[in-house]
Amino acid sequence: MGYFYLAIAIVAEVIATSAMKACAGFTRPIPSILVLVGYAIAFYCLSLVLKTIPVGIAYAIWAGIGIVMVTLVAIVLYGQKPDLPAVIGMSFILVGVVIINLFSRMSGH
């Protein structure tokens, strides 16, 4: 169940982070509600995740996948296209998450 809750936490965080740009400093009600509810769901689910997955592993997965997903949303919704250095940097982050999950004893494998 830990990875299921982690997936929910990541999706909720991506929705909240993506809505943050649209909330214009919390002056627009609907995006502001998305931000608050999204982060509440994300952190609640993350608290459940940490019962079964080490915090370092959970956070690495959360951050790595979240960065890529927020970038994809930013491309689609806001027309923000990452340049080559950004793509390379995100690739390194994802490779790091994979290495941690496959080879670290910390992950519990």
PDB file of N, CA and C in Angstrom:
ATOM      1  N   MET A   1       0.818  -1.208   0.000  1.00  0.00           N
ATOM      2  CA  MET A   1       0.000   0.000   0.000  1.00  0.00           C
ATOM      3  C   MET A   1       0.854   1.263   0.000  1.00  0.00           C
ATOM      4  N   GLY A   2       2.086   1.142   0.477  1.00  0.00           N
ATOM      5  CA  GLY A   2       2.944   2.320   0.552  1.00  0.00           C
ATOM      6  C   GLY A   2       3.132   2.997  -0.793  1.00  0.00           C
ATOM      7  N   TYR A   3       3.384   2.209  -1.823  1.00  0.00           N
ATOM      8  CA  TYR A   3       3.610   2.796  -3.143  1.00  0.00           C
ATOM      9  C   TYR A   3       2.322   3.330  -3.753  1.00  0.00           C
ATOM     10  N   PHE A   4       1.196   2.734  -3.397  1.00  0.00           N
ATOM     11  CA  PHE A   4      -0.099   3.253  -3.838  1.00  0.00           C
ATOM     12  C   PHE A   4      -0.329   4.643  -3.247  1.00  0.00           C
ATOM     13  N   TYR A   5      -0.101   4.785  -1.936  1.00  0.00           N
ATOM     14  CA  TYR A   5      -0.245   6.088  -1.294  1.00  0.00           C
ATOM     15  C   TYR A   5       0.781   7.095  -1.823  1.00  0.00           C
ATOM     16  N   LEU A   6       1.961   6.608  -2.143  1.00  0.00           N
ATOM     17  CA  LEU A   6       2.981   7.497  -2.697  1.00  0.00           C
ATOM     18  C   LEU A   6       2.528   8.035  -4.056  1.00  0.00           C
ATOM     19  N   ALA A   7       1.931   7.192  -4.872  1.00  0.00           N
ATOM     20  CA  ALA A   7       1.422   7.643  -6.173  1.00  0.00           C
ATOM     21  C   ALA A   7       0.349   8.715  -6.001  1.00  0.00           C
ATOM     22  N   ILE A   8      -0.559   8.488  -5.049  1.00  0.00           N
ATOM     23  CA  ILE A   8      -1.603   9.491  -4.781  1.00  0.00           C
ATOM     24  C   ILE A   8      -0.962  10.793  -4.298  1.00  0.00           C
ATOM     25  N   ALA A   9       0.010  10.680  -3.405  1.00  0.00           N
ATOM     26  CA  ALA A   9       0.688  11.868  -2.875  1.00  0.00           C
ATOM     27  C   ALA A   9       1.369  12.650  -3.992  1.00  0.00           C
ATOM     28  N   ILE A  10       2.007  11.956  -4.898  1.00  0.00           N
ATOM     29  CA  ILE A  10       2.707  12.624  -5.998  1.00  0.00           C
ATOM     30  C   ILE A  10       1.711  13.328  -6.912  1.00  0.00           C
ATOM     31  N   VAL A  11       0.646  12.652  -7.284  1.00  0.00           N
ATOM     32  CA  VAL A  11      -0.358  13.266  -8.166  1.00  0.00           C
ATOM     33  C   VAL A  11      -0.991  14.482  -7.494  1.00  0.00           C
ATOM     34  N   ALA A  12      -1.328  14.369  -6.217  1.00  0.00           N
ATOM     35  CA  ALA A  12      -1.926  15.498  -5.494  1.00  0.00           C
ATOM     36  C   ALA A  12      -0.956  16.670  -5.416  1.00  0.00           C
ATOM     37  N   GLU A  13       0.315  16.377  -5.187  1.00  0.00           N
ATOM     38  CA  GLU A  13       1.322  17.440  -5.111  1.00  0.00           C
ATOM     39  C   GLU A  13       1.520  18.094  -6.468  1.00  0.00           C
ATOM     40  N   VAL A  14       1.504  17.324  -7.525  1.00  0.00           N
ATOM     41  CA  VAL A  14       1.658  17.882  -8.874  1.00  0.00           C
ATOM     42  C   VAL A  14       0.472  18.792  -9.203  1.00  0.00           C
ATOM     43  N   ILE A  15      -0.732  18.370  -8.857  1.00  0.00           N
ATOM     44  CA  ILE A  15      -1.913  19.213  -9.078  1.00  0.00           C
ATOM     45  C   ILE A  15      -1.786  20.511  -8.285  1.00  0.00           C
ATOM     46  N   ALA A  16      -1.403  20.393  -7.009  1.00  0.00           N
ATOM     47  CA  ALA A  16      -1.279  21.579  -6.156  1.00  0.00           C
ATOM     48  C   ALA A  16      -0.195  22.527  -6.670  1.00  0.00           C
ATOM     49  N   THR A  17       0.950  21.983  -7.021  1.00  0.00           N
ATOM     50  CA  THR A  17       2.045  22.825  -7.501  1.00  0.00           C
ATOM     51  C   THR A  17       1.687  23.491  -8.821  1.00  0.00           C
ATOM     52  N   SER A  18       1.043  22.756  -9.689  1.00  0.00           N
ATOM     53  CA  SER A  18       0.652  23.308 -10.986  1.00  0.00           C
ATOM     54  C   SER A  18      -0.416  24.396 -10.831  1.00  0.00           C
ATOM     55  N   ALA A  19      -1.316  24.226  -9.881  1.00  0.00           N
ATOM     56  CA  ALA A  19      -2.361  25.223  -9.640  1.00  0.00           C
ATOM     57  C   ALA A  19      -1.812  26.476  -8.966  1.00  0.00           C
ATOM     58  N   MET A  20      -0.644  26.350  -8.326  1.00  0.00           N
ATOM     59  CA  MET A  20      -0.086  27.494  -7.606  1.00  0.00           C
ATOM     60  C   MET A  20       0.171  28.673  -8.539  1.00  0.00           C
ATOM     61  N   LYS A  21       0.647  28.412  -9.746  1.00  0.00           N
ATOM     62  CA  LYS A  21       0.875  29.501 -10.699  1.00  0.00           C
ATOM     63  C   LYS A  21      -0.441  30.194 -11.039  1.00  0.00           C
ATOM     64  N   ALA A  22      -1.497  29.400 -11.216  1.00  0.00           N
ATOM     65  CA  ALA A  22      -2.797  29.951 -11.598  1.00  0.00           C
ATOM     66  C   ALA A  22      -3.505  30.673 -10.451  1.00  0.00           C
ATOM     67  N   CYS A  23      -3.115  30.404  -9.206  1.00  0.00           N
ATOM     68  CA  CYS A  23      -3.834  31.026  -8.090  1.00  0.00           C
ATOM     69  C   CYS A  23      -3.433  32.482  -7.878  1.00  0.00           C
ATOM     70  N   ALA A  24      -2.382  32.939  -8.555  1.00  0.00           N
ATOM     71  CA  ALA A  24      -1.973  34.353  -8.536  1.00  0.00           C
ATOM     72  C   ALA A  24      -1.881  34.908  -7.116  1.00  0.00           C
ATOM     73  N   GLY A  25      -1.033  34.260  -6.324  1.00  0.00           N
ATOM     74  CA  GLY A  25      -0.840  34.732  -4.951  1.00  0.00           C
ATOM     75  C   GLY A  25      -2.071  34.533  -4.076  1.00  0.00           C
ATOM     76  N   PHE A  26      -2.806  33.472  -4.321  1.00  0.00           N
ATOM     77  CA  PHE A  26      -4.024  33.137  -3.582  1.00  0.00           C
ATOM     78  C   PHE A  26      -5.124  34.194  -3.739  1.00  0.00           C
ATOM     79  N   THR A  27      -5.162  34.825  -4.911  1.00  0.00           N
ATOM     80  CA  THR A  27      -6.208  35.814  -5.188  1.00  0.00           C
ATOM     81  C   THR A  27      -7.329  35.231  -6.043  1.00  0.00           C
ATOM     82  N   ARG A  28      -7.126  34.037  -6.596  1.00  0.00           N
ATOM     83  CA  ARG A  28      -8.148  33.377  -7.408  1.00  0.00           C
ATOM     84  C   ARG A  28      -8.633  32.149  -6.641  1.00  0.00           C
ATOM     85  N   PRO A  29      -9.928  32.094  -6.311  1.00  0.00           N
ATOM     86  CA  PRO A  29     -10.440  31.069  -5.396  1.00  0.00           C
ATOM     87  C   PRO A  29     -10.271  29.617  -5.852  1.00  0.00           C
ATOM     88  N   ILE A  30     -10.650  29.290  -7.063  1.00  0.00           N
ATOM     89  CA  ILE A  30     -10.622  27.880  -7.482  1.00  0.00           C
ATOM     90  C   ILE A  30      -9.196  27.325  -7.495  1.00  0.00           C
ATOM     91  N   PRO A  31      -8.249  27.992  -8.156  1.00  0.00           N
ATOM     92  CA  PRO A  31      -6.881  27.459  -8.101  1.00  0.00           C
ATOM     93  C   PRO A  31      -6.317  27.448  -6.677  1.00  0.00           C
ATOM     94  N   SER A  32      -6.707  28.417  -5.861  1.00  0.00           N
ATOM     95  CA  SER A  32      -6.228  28.463  -4.474  1.00  0.00           C
ATOM     96  C   SER A  32      -6.732  27.257  -3.687  1.00  0.00           C
ATOM     97  N   ILE A  33      -7.981  26.886  -3.912  1.00  0.00           N
ATOM     98  CA  ILE A  33      -8.537  25.704  -3.249  1.00  0.00           C
ATOM     99  C   ILE A  33      -7.811  24.448  -3.713  1.00  0.00           C
ATOM    100  N   LEU A  34      -7.520  24.376  -5.019  1.00  0.00           N
ATOM    101  CA  LEU A  34      -6.758  23.229  -5.537  1.00  0.00           C
ATOM    102  C   LEU A  34      -5.396  23.115  -4.861  1.00  0.00           C
ATOM    103  N   VAL A  35      -4.739  24.237  -4.657  1.00  0.00           N
ATOM    104  CA  VAL A  35      -3.434  24.240  -3.989  1.00  0.00           C
ATOM    105  C   VAL A  35      -3.570  23.698  -2.567  1.00  0.00           C
ATOM    106  N   LEU A  36      -4.487  24.252  -1.796  1.00  0.00           N
ATOM    107  CA  LEU A  36      -4.629  23.860  -0.391  1.00  0.00           C
ATOM    108  C   LEU A  36      -5.075  22.404  -0.242  1.00  0.00           C
ATOM    109  N   VAL A  37      -6.075  21.999  -1.006  1.00  0.00           N
ATOM    110  CA  VAL A  37      -6.577  20.629  -0.907  1.00  0.00           C
ATOM    111  C   VAL A  37      -5.535  19.647  -1.443  1.00  0.00           C
ATOM    112  N   GLY A  38      -4.899  20.010  -2.543  1.00  0.00           N
ATOM    113  CA  GLY A  38      -3.878  19.134  -3.123  1.00  0.00           C
ATOM    114  C   GLY A  38      -2.729  18.870  -2.170  1.00  0.00           C
ATOM    115  N   TYR A  39      -2.218  19.931  -1.540  1.00  0.00           N
ATOM    116  CA  TYR A  39      -1.121  19.731  -0.589  1.00  0.00           C
ATOM    117  C   TYR A  39      -1.579  18.977   0.657  1.00  0.00           C
ATOM    118  N   ALA A  40      -2.802  19.223   1.106  1.00  0.00           N
ATOM    119  CA  ALA A  40      -3.312  18.491   2.274  1.00  0.00           C
ATOM    120  C   ALA A  40      -3.373  16.992   1.968  1.00  0.00           C
ATOM    121  N   ILE A  41      -3.897  16.644   0.815  1.00  0.00           N
ATOM    122  CA  ILE A  41      -3.963  15.230   0.418  1.00  0.00           C
ATOM    123  C   ILE A  41      -2.553  14.661   0.264  1.00  0.00           C
ATOM    124  N   ALA A  42      -1.680  15.427  -0.385  1.00  0.00           N
ATOM    125  CA  ALA A  42      -0.314  14.960  -0.623  1.00  0.00           C
ATOM    126  C   ALA A  42       0.404  14.661   0.685  1.00  0.00           C
ATOM    127  N   PHE A  43       0.339  15.575   1.642  1.00  0.00           N
ATOM    128  CA  PHE A  43       1.072  15.362   2.885  1.00  0.00           C
ATOM    129  C   PHE A  43       0.424  14.298   3.763  1.00  0.00           C
ATOM    130  N   TYR A  44      -0.883  14.192   3.708  1.00  0.00           N
ATOM    131  CA  TYR A  44      -1.536  13.116   4.453  1.00  0.00           C
ATOM    132  C   TYR A  44      -1.098  11.762   3.899  1.00  0.00           C
ATOM    133  N   CYS A  45      -1.160  11.617   2.574  1.00  0.00           N
ATOM    134  CA  CYS A  45      -0.747  10.349   1.962  1.00  0.00           C
ATOM    135  C   CYS A  45       0.740  10.077   2.207  1.00  0.00           C
ATOM    136  N   LEU A  46       1.553  11.115   2.148  1.00  0.00           N
ATOM    137  CA  LEU A  46       2.976  10.922   2.424  1.00  0.00           C
ATOM    138  C   LEU A  46       3.185  10.433   3.856  1.00  0.00           C
ATOM    139  N   SER A  47       2.394  10.920   4.788  1.00  0.00           N
ATOM    140  CA  SER A  47       2.523  10.446   6.172  1.00  0.00           C
ATOM    141  C   SER A  47       2.199   8.955   6.269  1.00  0.00           C
ATOM    142  N   LEU A  48       1.267   8.482   5.445  1.00  0.00           N
ATOM    143  CA  LEU A  48       0.954   7.053   5.412  1.00  0.00           C
ATOM    144  C   LEU A  48       2.078   6.256   4.763  1.00  0.00           C
ATOM    145  N   VAL A  49       2.667   6.827   3.732  1.00  0.00           N
ATOM    146  CA  VAL A  49       3.779   6.187   3.024  1.00  0.00           C
ATOM    147  C   VAL A  49       4.929   5.904   3.984  1.00  0.00           C
ATOM    148  N   LEU A  50       5.213   6.864   4.852  1.00  0.00           N
ATOM    149  CA  LEU A  50       6.389   6.761   5.719  1.00  0.00           C
ATOM    150  C   LEU A  50       6.251   5.694   6.797  1.00  0.00           C
ATOM    151  N   LYS A  51       5.084   5.076   6.895  1.00  0.00           N
ATOM    152  CA  LYS A  51       4.923   3.939   7.801  1.00  0.00           C
ATOM    153  C   LYS A  51       5.598   2.686   7.243  1.00  0.00           C
ATOM    154  N   THR A  52       5.745   2.620   5.911  1.00  0.00           N
ATOM    155  CA  THR A  52       6.271   1.399   5.294  1.00  0.00           C
ATOM    156  C   THR A  52       7.486   1.610   4.394  1.00  0.00           C
ATOM    157  N   ILE A  53       7.727   2.838   3.974  1.00  0.00           N
ATOM    158  CA  ILE A  53       8.850   3.128   3.073  1.00  0.00           C
ATOM    159  C   ILE A  53       9.782   4.114   3.775  1.00  0.00           C
ATOM    160  N   PRO A  54      11.095   3.858   3.775  1.00  0.00           N
ATOM    161  CA  PRO A  54      12.030   4.800   4.402  1.00  0.00           C
ATOM    162  C   PRO A  54      11.889   6.209   3.812  1.00  0.00           C
ATOM    163  N   VAL A  55      12.034   7.204   4.662  1.00  0.00           N
ATOM    164  CA  VAL A  55      11.807   8.591   4.254  1.00  0.00           C
ATOM    165  C   VAL A  55      12.710   9.001   3.086  1.00  0.00           C
ATOM    166  N   GLY A  56      13.959   8.572   3.091  1.00  0.00           N
ATOM    167  CA  GLY A  56      14.869   8.938   2.001  1.00  0.00           C
ATOM    168  C   GLY A  56      14.422   8.379   0.662  1.00  0.00           C
ATOM    169  N   ILE A  57      13.947   7.157   0.672  1.00  0.00           N
ATOM    170  CA  ILE A  57      13.461   6.523  -0.555  1.00  0.00           C
ATOM    171  C   ILE A  57      12.166   7.192  -1.009  1.00  0.00           C
ATOM    172  N   ALA A  58      11.243   7.372  -0.087  1.00  0.00           N
ATOM    173  CA  ALA A  58       9.963   7.994  -0.435  1.00  0.00           C
ATOM    174  C   ALA A  58      10.176   9.394  -0.999  1.00  0.00           C
ATOM    175  N   TYR A  59      11.045  10.168  -0.367  1.00  0.00           N
ATOM    176  CA  TYR A  59      11.257  11.536  -0.827  1.00  0.00           C
ATOM    177  C   TYR A  59      11.971  11.567  -2.173  1.00  0.00           C
ATOM    178  N   ALA A  60      12.901  10.657  -2.382  1.00  0.00           N
ATOM    179  CA  ALA A  60      13.589  10.610  -3.674  1.00  0.00           C
ATOM    180  C   ALA A  60      12.599  10.315  -4.803  1.00  0.00           C
ATOM    181  N   ILE A  61      11.713   9.361  -4.568  1.00  0.00           N
ATOM    182  CA  ILE A  61      10.707   9.027  -5.576  1.00  0.00           C
ATOM    183  C   ILE A  61       9.747  10.198  -5.774  1.00  0.00           C
ATOM    184  N   TRP A  62       9.269  10.752  -4.662  1.00  0.00           N
ATOM    185  CA  TRP A  62       8.353  11.902  -4.689  1.00  0.00           C
ATOM    186  C   TRP A  62       8.960  13.046  -5.503  1.00  0.00           C
ATOM    187  N   ALA A  63      10.185  13.415  -5.165  1.00  0.00           N
ATOM    188  CA  ALA A  63      10.822  14.556  -5.829  1.00  0.00           C
ATOM    189  C   ALA A  63      11.107  14.268  -7.298  1.00  0.00           C
ATOM    190  N   GLY A  64      11.678  13.103  -7.584  1.00  0.00           N
ATOM    191  CA  GLY A  64      12.050  12.789  -8.963  1.00  0.00           C
ATOM    192  C   GLY A  64      10.858  12.733  -9.888  1.00  0.00           C
ATOM    193  N   ILE A  65       9.852  11.975  -9.507  1.00  0.00           N
ATOM    194  CA  ILE A  65       8.667  11.859 -10.360  1.00  0.00           C
ATOM    195  C   ILE A  65       7.893  13.171 -10.379  1.00  0.00           C
ATOM    196  N   GLY A  66       7.829  13.832  -9.237  1.00  0.00           N
ATOM    197  CA  GLY A  66       7.131  15.114  -9.167  1.00  0.00           C
ATOM    198  C   GLY A  66       7.736  16.163 -10.076  1.00  0.00           C
ATOM    199  N   ILE A  67       9.065  16.233 -10.120  1.00  0.00           N
ATOM    200  CA  ILE A  67       9.735  17.206 -10.984  1.00  0.00           C
ATOM    201  C   ILE A  67       9.366  16.973 -12.442  1.00  0.00           C
ATOM    202  N   VAL A  68       9.413  15.734 -12.864  1.00  0.00           N
ATOM    203  CA  VAL A  68       9.099  15.421 -14.259  1.00  0.00           C
ATOM    204  C   VAL A  68       7.630  15.720 -14.559  1.00  0.00           C
ATOM    205  N   MET A  69       6.741  15.310 -13.669  1.00  0.00           N
ATOM    206  CA  MET A  69       5.309  15.531 -13.909  1.00  0.00           C
ATOM    207  C   MET A  69       4.948  17.017 -13.908  1.00  0.00           C
ATOM    208  N   VAL A  70       5.509  17.782 -12.975  1.00  0.00           N
ATOM    209  CA  VAL A  70       5.226  19.224 -12.952  1.00  0.00           C
ATOM    210  C   VAL A  70       5.758  19.868 -14.223  1.00  0.00           C
ATOM    211  N   THR A  71       6.913  19.428 -14.687  1.00  0.00           N
ATOM    212  CA  THR A  71       7.466  19.967 -15.931  1.00  0.00           C
ATOM    213  C   THR A  71       6.554  19.659 -17.110  1.00  0.00           C
ATOM    214  N   LEU A  72       6.023  18.437 -17.171  1.00  0.00           N
ATOM    215  CA  LEU A  72       5.104  18.086 -18.257  1.00  0.00           C
ATOM    216  C   LEU A  72       3.829  18.922 -18.207  1.00  0.00           C
ATOM    217  N   VAL A  73       3.299  19.138 -17.007  1.00  0.00           N
ATOM    218  CA  VAL A  73       2.113  19.984 -16.860  1.00  0.00           C
ATOM    219  C   VAL A  73       2.436  21.410 -17.279  1.00  0.00           C
ATOM    220  N   ALA A  74       3.597  21.916 -16.888  1.00  0.00           N
ATOM    221  CA  ALA A  74       3.996  23.279 -17.244  1.00  0.00           C
ATOM    222  C   ALA A  74       4.137  23.443 -18.759  1.00  0.00           C
ATOM    223  N   ILE A  75       4.598  22.398 -19.430  1.00  0.00           N
ATOM    224  CA  ILE A  75       4.698  22.441 -20.892  1.00  0.00           C
ATOM    225  C   ILE A  75       3.302  22.564 -21.494  1.00  0.00           C
ATOM    226  N   VAL A  76       2.381  21.709 -21.017  1.00  0.00           N
ATOM    227  CA  VAL A  76       1.031  21.655 -21.591  1.00  0.00           C
ATOM    228  C   VAL A  76       0.203  22.891 -21.221  1.00  0.00           C
ATOM    229  N   LEU A  77       0.171  23.245 -19.937  1.00  0.00           N
ATOM    230  CA  LEU A  77      -0.708  24.327 -19.493  1.00  0.00           C
ATOM    231  C   LEU A  77      -0.137  25.724 -19.671  1.00  0.00           C
ATOM    232  N   TYR A  78       1.169  25.859 -19.486  1.00  0.00           N
ATOM    233  CA  TYR A  78       1.759  27.191 -19.453  1.00  0.00           C
ATOM    234  C   TYR A  78       2.754  27.460 -20.576  1.00  0.00           C
ATOM    235  N   GLY A  79       2.956  26.492 -21.452  1.00  0.00           N
ATOM    236  CA  GLY A  79       3.878  26.672 -22.572  1.00  0.00           C
ATOM    237  C   GLY A  79       5.328  26.843 -22.152  1.00  0.00           C
ATOM    238  N   GLN A  80       5.688  26.354 -20.968  1.00  0.00           N
ATOM    239  CA  GLN A  80       7.055  26.480 -20.471  1.00  0.00           C
ATOM    240  C   GLN A  80       7.861  25.266 -20.917  1.00  0.00           C
ATOM    241  N   LYS A  81       8.734  25.476 -21.882  1.00  0.00           N
ATOM    242  CA  LYS A  81       9.503  24.363 -22.426  1.00  0.00           C
ATOM    243  C   LYS A  81      10.895  24.328 -21.801  1.00  0.00           C
ATOM    244  N   PRO A  82      11.272  23.187 -21.216  1.00  0.00           N
ATOM    245  CA  PRO A  82      12.612  23.090 -20.621  1.00  0.00           C
ATOM    246  C   PRO A  82      13.679  23.065 -21.715  1.00  0.00           C
ATOM    247  N   ASP A  83      14.801  23.704 -21.417  1.00  0.00           N
ATOM    248  CA  ASP A  83      15.912  23.664 -22.359  1.00  0.00           C
ATOM    249  C   ASP A  83      16.747  22.404 -22.102  1.00  0.00           C
ATOM    250  N   LEU A  84      17.775  22.208 -22.914  1.00  0.00           N
ATOM    251  CA  LEU A  84      18.588  20.992 -22.824  1.00  0.00           C
ATOM    252  C   LEU A  84      19.206  20.793 -21.436  1.00  0.00           C
ATOM    253  N   PRO A  85      19.809  21.824 -20.825  1.00  0.00           N
ATOM    254  CA  PRO A  85      20.359  21.604 -19.480  1.00  0.00           C
ATOM    255  C   PRO A  85      19.294  21.159 -18.469  1.00  0.00           C
ATOM    256  N   ALA A  86      18.077  21.685 -18.575  1.00  0.00           N
ATOM    257  CA  ALA A  86      17.004  21.270 -17.662  1.00  0.00           C
ATOM    258  C   ALA A  86      16.647  19.807 -17.881  1.00  0.00           C
ATOM    259  N   VAL A  87      16.561  19.390 -19.130  1.00  0.00           N
ATOM    260  CA  VAL A  87      16.242  17.998 -19.443  1.00  0.00           C
ATOM    261  C   VAL A  87      17.350  17.074 -18.944  1.00  0.00           C
ATOM    262  N   ILE A  88      18.588  17.471 -19.140  1.00  0.00           N
ATOM    263  CA  ILE A  88      19.713  16.664 -18.664  1.00  0.00           C
ATOM    264  C   ILE A  88      19.675  16.560 -17.136  1.00  0.00           C
ATOM    265  N   GLY A  89      19.449  17.680 -16.464  1.00  0.00           N
ATOM    266  CA  GLY A  89      19.381  17.673 -15.000  1.00  0.00           C
ATOM    267  C   GLY A  89      18.265  16.784 -14.480  1.00  0.00           C
ATOM    268  N   MET A  90      17.089  16.877 -15.091  1.00  0.00           N
ATOM    269  CA  MET A  90      15.975  16.022 -14.664  1.00  0.00           C
ATOM    270  C   MET A  90      16.288  14.554 -14.939  1.00  0.00           C
ATOM    271  N   SER A  91      16.989  14.281 -16.016  1.00  0.00           N
ATOM    272  CA  SER A  91      17.379  12.898 -16.325  1.00  0.00           C
ATOM    273  C   SER A  91      18.303  12.359 -15.241  1.00  0.00           C
ATOM    274  N   PHE A  92      19.246  13.169 -14.784  1.00  0.00           N
ATOM    275  CA  PHE A  92      20.143  12.751 -13.700  1.00  0.00           C
ATOM    276  C   PHE A  92      19.356  12.450 -12.425  1.00  0.00           C
ATOM    277  N   ILE A  93      18.374  13.285 -12.134  1.00  0.00           N
ATOM    278  CA  ILE A  93      17.546  13.062 -10.949  1.00  0.00           C
ATOM    279  C   ILE A  93      16.824  11.725 -11.056  1.00  0.00           C
ATOM    280  N   LEU A  94      16.220  11.462 -12.201  1.00  0.00           N
ATOM    281  CA  LEU A  94      15.505  10.196 -12.381  1.00  0.00           C
ATOM    282  C   LEU A  94      16.442   9.000 -12.319  1.00  0.00           C
ATOM    283  N   VAL A  95      17.631   9.131 -12.901  1.00  0.00           N
ATOM    284  CA  VAL A  95      18.608   8.042 -12.816  1.00  0.00           C
ATOM    285  C   VAL A  95      18.980   7.805 -11.356  1.00  0.00           C
ATOM    286  N   GLY A  96      19.133   8.868 -10.590  1.00  0.00           N
ATOM    287  CA  GLY A  96      19.429   8.733  -9.165  1.00  0.00           C
ATOM    288  C   GLY A  96      18.334   8.001  -8.415  1.00  0.00           C
ATOM    289  N   VAL A  97      17.081   8.305  -8.725  1.00  0.00           N
ATOM    290  CA  VAL A  97      15.958   7.615  -8.080  1.00  0.00           C
ATOM    291  C   VAL A  97      15.983   6.134  -8.427  1.00  0.00           C
ATOM    292  N   VAL A  98      16.250   5.814  -9.677  1.00  0.00           N
ATOM    293  CA  VAL A  98      16.313   4.406 -10.101  1.00  0.00           C
ATOM    294  C   VAL A  98      17.455   3.685  -9.384  1.00  0.00           C
ATOM    295  N   ILE A  99      18.622   4.326  -9.315  1.00  0.00           N
ATOM    296  CA  ILE A  99      19.772   3.712  -8.637  1.00  0.00           C
ATOM    297  C   ILE A  99      19.454   3.448  -7.170  1.00  0.00           C
ATOM    298  N   ILE A 100      18.862   4.420  -6.506  1.00  0.00           N
ATOM    299  CA  ILE A 100      18.507   4.241  -5.097  1.00  0.00           C
ATOM    300  C   ILE A 100      17.568   3.048  -4.930  1.00  0.00           C
ATOM    301  N   ASN A 101      16.557   2.983  -5.777  1.00  0.00           N
ATOM    302  CA  ASN A 101      15.560   1.915  -5.648  1.00  0.00           C
ATOM    303  C   ASN A 101      16.096   0.549  -6.017  1.00  0.00           C
ATOM    304  N   LEU A 102      17.009   0.480  -6.961  1.00  0.00           N
ATOM    305  CA  LEU A 102      17.529  -0.814  -7.391  1.00  0.00           C
ATOM    306  C   LEU A 102      18.697  -1.328  -6.544  1.00  0.00           C
ATOM    307  N   PHE A 103      19.537  -0.406  -6.063  1.00  0.00           N
ATOM    308  CA  PHE A 103      20.797  -0.851  -5.468  1.00  0.00           C
ATOM    309  C   PHE A 103      21.010  -0.475  -4.009  1.00  0.00           C
ATOM    310  N   SER A 104      20.241   0.441  -3.471  1.00  0.00           N
ATOM    311  CA  SER A 104      20.470   0.859  -2.093  1.00  0.00           C
ATOM    312  C   SER A 104      19.888  -0.149  -1.113  1.00  0.00           C
ATOM    313  N   ARG A 105      20.656  -0.470  -0.073  1.00  0.00           N
ATOM    314  CA  ARG A 105      20.136  -1.319   1.004  1.00  0.00           C
ATOM    315  C   ARG A 105      19.096  -0.567   1.824  1.00  0.00           C
ATOM    316  N   MET A 106      19.131   0.748   1.741  1.00  0.00           N
ATOM    317  CA  MET A 106      18.197   1.580   2.478  1.00  0.00           C
ATOM    318  C   MET A 106      16.761   1.331   2.008  1.00  0.00           C
ATOM    319  N   SER A 107      16.603   0.908   0.768  1.00  0.00           N
ATOM    320  CA  SER A 107      15.250   0.741   0.216  1.00  0.00           C
ATOM    321  C   SER A 107      14.552  -0.501   0.736  1.00  0.00           C
ATOM    322  N   GLY A 108      15.267  -1.362   1.421  1.00  0.00           N
ATOM    323  CA  GLY A 108      14.659  -2.537   1.995  1.00  0.00           C
ATOM    324  C   GLY A 108      14.587  -3.732   1.049  1.00  0.00           C
ATOM    325  N   HIS A 109      15.256  -3.649  -0.102  1.00  0.00           N
ATOM    326  CA  HIS A 109      15.255  -4.783  -1.061  1.00  0.00           C
ATOM    327  C   HIS A 109      16.207  -5.854  -0.622  1.00  0.00           C
TER     328      HIS A 109
END
